[in-house]
Amino acid sequence: MQNATQDGRDRKNIQIGFLVDIVQKQHQRSGELTQGIVKRILTKSPNHPHGIKVMLESGEVGRVKQIILD
């Protein structure tokens, strides 16, 4: 069974501690995703067409493509 996912373009859907898939700036062309736990939410606006920018606990920064829900 696959985990449920939620879209990462609305800031209200993302909270610190959530497990997410992000795309880092250097991987935008390839679409390579990095999974991690949200440490900080960097985008101030309520939504963004390319995904809300976050920092993971690992220090990596990117835009949320999907939120992993169990």
N, C-alpha and C. Protein backbone atom coordinates (compact mmCIF):
# COMPACT_ATOMS: atom_id res chain seq x y z
N MET A 1 0.85 -1.20 0.00
CA MET A 1 0.00 0.00 0.00
C MET A 1 0.88 1.25 0.00
N GLN A 2 0.54 2.19 -0.83
CA GLN A 2 1.33 3.42 -0.96
C GLN A 2 0.83 4.48 0.01
N ASN A 3 1.76 5.29 0.53
CA ASN A 3 1.38 6.38 1.43
C ASN A 3 0.53 7.41 0.70
N ALA A 4 -0.41 8.01 1.41
CA ALA A 4 -1.20 9.10 0.85
C ALA A 4 -0.31 10.34 0.76
N THR A 5 -0.56 11.18 -0.25
CA THR A 5 0.23 12.40 -0.40
C THR A 5 -0.71 13.59 -0.54
N GLN A 6 -0.15 14.76 -0.26
CA GLN A 6 -0.90 16.01 -0.36
C GLN A 6 -0.04 17.01 -1.11
N ASP A 7 -0.67 17.89 -1.84
CA ASP A 7 0.01 18.90 -2.64
C ASP A 7 0.76 19.89 -1.76
N GLY A 8 1.95 20.33 -2.22
CA GLY A 8 2.78 21.23 -1.44
C GLY A 8 2.75 22.68 -1.86
N ARG A 9 1.69 23.12 -2.55
CA ARG A 9 1.64 24.50 -3.03
C ARG A 9 0.95 25.45 -2.07
N ASP A 10 0.24 24.91 -1.06
CA ASP A 10 -0.46 25.75 -0.08
C ASP A 10 0.27 25.68 1.26
N ARG A 11 0.61 26.86 1.79
CA ARG A 11 1.37 26.94 3.04
C ARG A 11 0.60 26.33 4.22
N LYS A 12 -0.73 26.45 4.18
CA LYS A 12 -1.55 25.94 5.28
C LYS A 12 -1.47 24.42 5.42
N ASN A 13 -1.05 23.71 4.37
CA ASN A 13 -0.95 22.26 4.40
C ASN A 13 0.36 21.76 5.03
N ILE A 14 1.33 22.66 5.23
CA ILE A 14 2.67 22.26 5.65
C ILE A 14 2.93 22.74 7.08
N GLN A 15 3.45 21.83 7.90
CA GLN A 15 3.81 22.18 9.27
C GLN A 15 5.20 21.66 9.57
N ILE A 16 5.86 22.29 10.53
CA ILE A 16 7.17 21.83 10.98
C ILE A 16 7.00 20.41 11.52
N GLY A 17 7.92 19.52 11.13
CA GLY A 17 7.86 18.13 11.55
C GLY A 17 7.22 17.20 10.53
N PHE A 18 6.62 17.76 9.47
CA PHE A 18 6.00 16.93 8.44
C PHE A 18 7.07 16.28 7.57
N LEU A 19 6.80 15.06 7.09
CA LEU A 19 7.64 14.37 6.13
C LEU A 19 7.21 14.82 4.73
N VAL A 20 8.17 15.34 3.95
CA VAL A 20 7.85 15.88 2.63
C VAL A 20 8.89 15.44 1.59
N ASP A 21 8.50 15.54 0.33
CA ASP A 21 9.42 15.41 -0.80
C ASP A 21 9.63 16.81 -1.35
N ILE A 22 10.91 17.22 -1.49
CA ILE A 22 11.22 18.53 -2.06
C ILE A 22 12.06 18.35 -3.31
N VAL A 23 12.06 19.38 -4.15
CA VAL A 23 13.00 19.44 -5.27
C VAL A 23 13.91 20.63 -4.99
N GLN A 24 15.22 20.36 -4.96
CA GLN A 24 16.21 21.41 -4.73
C GLN A 24 16.45 22.17 -6.04
N LYS A 25 16.93 23.40 -5.93
CA LYS A 25 17.11 24.25 -7.10
C LYS A 25 17.97 23.57 -8.17
N GLN A 26 19.06 22.92 -7.75
CA GLN A 26 19.96 22.29 -8.73
C GLN A 26 19.34 21.04 -9.37
N HIS A 27 18.21 20.55 -8.84
CA HIS A 27 17.56 19.36 -9.39
C HIS A 27 16.23 19.69 -10.08
N GLN A 28 15.95 20.98 -10.31
CA GLN A 28 14.67 21.35 -10.91
C GLN A 28 14.50 20.76 -12.30
N ARG A 29 15.55 20.75 -13.10
CA ARG A 29 15.44 20.21 -14.46
C ARG A 29 15.18 18.71 -14.46
N SER A 30 15.89 17.98 -13.60
CA SER A 30 15.74 16.52 -13.56
C SER A 30 14.50 16.10 -12.76
N GLY A 31 14.06 16.97 -11.85
CA GLY A 31 12.90 16.64 -11.02
C GLY A 31 13.24 15.68 -9.89
N GLU A 32 14.54 15.49 -9.61
CA GLU A 32 14.97 14.59 -8.54
C GLU A 32 14.43 15.08 -7.19
N LEU A 33 13.79 14.18 -6.45
CA LEU A 33 13.18 14.54 -5.18
C LEU A 33 14.07 14.13 -4.01
N THR A 34 14.02 14.92 -2.95
CA THR A 34 14.71 14.64 -1.70
C THR A 34 13.66 14.58 -0.60
N GLN A 35 13.70 13.50 0.19
CA GLN A 35 12.71 13.35 1.25
C GLN A 35 13.32 13.74 2.59
N GLY A 36 12.52 14.39 3.43
CA GLY A 36 13.02 14.77 4.74
C GLY A 36 11.92 15.39 5.59
N ILE A 37 12.34 15.79 6.79
CA ILE A 37 11.43 16.39 7.77
C ILE A 37 11.59 17.91 7.73
N VAL A 38 10.45 18.64 7.71
CA VAL A 38 10.47 20.10 7.65
C VAL A 38 11.00 20.67 8.96
N LYS A 39 12.04 21.52 8.84
CA LYS A 39 12.60 22.23 10.00
C LYS A 39 12.09 23.67 10.04
N ARG A 40 12.06 24.33 8.86
CA ARG A 40 11.58 25.72 8.76
C ARG A 40 10.79 25.89 7.48
N ILE A 41 9.78 26.75 7.53
CA ILE A 41 9.02 27.13 6.33
C ILE A 41 9.56 28.49 5.91
N LEU A 42 10.08 28.58 4.69
CA LEU A 42 10.75 29.79 4.24
C LEU A 42 9.86 30.72 3.42
N THR A 43 8.84 30.17 2.75
CA THR A 43 7.93 31.00 1.95
C THR A 43 6.92 31.67 2.87
N LYS A 44 6.77 32.99 2.72
CA LYS A 44 5.83 33.75 3.56
C LYS A 44 4.42 33.80 2.98
N SER A 45 4.30 33.73 1.66
CA SER A 45 2.98 33.87 1.04
C SER A 45 2.14 32.61 1.29
N PRO A 46 0.80 32.72 1.25
CA PRO A 46 -0.06 31.58 1.56
C PRO A 46 0.03 30.44 0.54
N ASN A 47 0.46 30.75 -0.69
CA ASN A 47 0.63 29.69 -1.68
C ASN A 47 1.68 30.11 -2.71
N HIS A 48 2.19 29.13 -3.44
CA HIS A 48 3.20 29.38 -4.47
C HIS A 48 3.00 28.34 -5.56
N PRO A 49 2.98 28.75 -6.83
CA PRO A 49 2.70 27.80 -7.91
C PRO A 49 3.72 26.68 -8.06
N HIS A 50 4.96 26.88 -7.61
CA HIS A 50 6.00 25.84 -7.74
C HIS A 50 6.24 25.09 -6.45
N GLY A 51 5.49 25.42 -5.41
CA GLY A 51 5.64 24.74 -4.12
C GLY A 51 6.22 25.68 -3.07
N ILE A 52 5.85 25.44 -1.83
CA ILE A 52 6.33 26.23 -0.70
C ILE A 52 7.78 25.87 -0.42
N LYS A 53 8.63 26.88 -0.23
CA LYS A 53 10.05 26.63 0.03
C LYS A 53 10.25 26.34 1.51
N VAL A 54 10.96 25.24 1.79
CA VAL A 54 11.22 24.83 3.17
C VAL A 54 12.69 24.44 3.35
N MET A 55 13.11 24.42 4.61
CA MET A 55 14.42 23.86 4.96
C MET A 55 14.15 22.56 5.72
N LEU A 56 14.86 21.50 5.32
CA LEU A 56 14.73 20.22 6.00
C LEU A 56 15.66 20.17 7.21
N GLU A 57 15.45 19.21 8.08
CA GLU A 57 16.33 19.04 9.24
C GLU A 57 17.77 18.78 8.83
N SER A 58 17.96 18.24 7.62
CA SER A 58 19.30 17.98 7.09
C SER A 58 19.99 19.25 6.60
N GLY A 59 19.23 20.37 6.54
CA GLY A 59 19.78 21.64 6.06
C GLY A 59 19.52 21.90 4.59
N GLU A 60 18.98 20.91 3.88
CA GLU A 60 18.69 21.09 2.47
C GLU A 60 17.46 21.99 2.31
N VAL A 61 17.49 22.81 1.25
CA VAL A 61 16.40 23.76 0.98
C VAL A 61 15.81 23.44 -0.39
N GLY A 62 14.49 23.47 -0.46
CA GLY A 62 13.83 23.23 -1.74
C GLY A 62 12.34 23.49 -1.63
N ARG A 63 11.66 23.28 -2.74
CA ARG A 63 10.21 23.50 -2.79
C ARG A 63 9.48 22.18 -2.63
N VAL A 64 8.43 22.21 -1.80
CA VAL A 64 7.68 21.00 -1.50
C VAL A 64 6.87 20.57 -2.73
N LYS A 65 7.10 19.33 -3.15
CA LYS A 65 6.34 18.76 -4.25
C LYS A 65 5.17 17.94 -3.71
N GLN A 66 5.41 17.23 -2.61
CA GLN A 66 4.31 16.50 -1.98
C GLN A 66 4.58 16.32 -0.49
N ILE A 67 3.48 16.23 0.23
CA ILE A 67 3.53 15.98 1.68
C ILE A 67 3.16 14.52 1.87
N ILE A 68 3.98 13.79 2.60
CA ILE A 68 3.74 12.36 2.81
C ILE A 68 2.89 12.19 4.07
N LEU A 69 1.70 11.61 3.90
CA LEU A 69 0.79 11.36 5.00
C LEU A 69 0.69 9.87 5.22
N ASP A 70 0.69 9.43 6.46
CA ASP A 70 0.56 7.99 6.75
C ASP A 70 -0.87 7.60 7.01
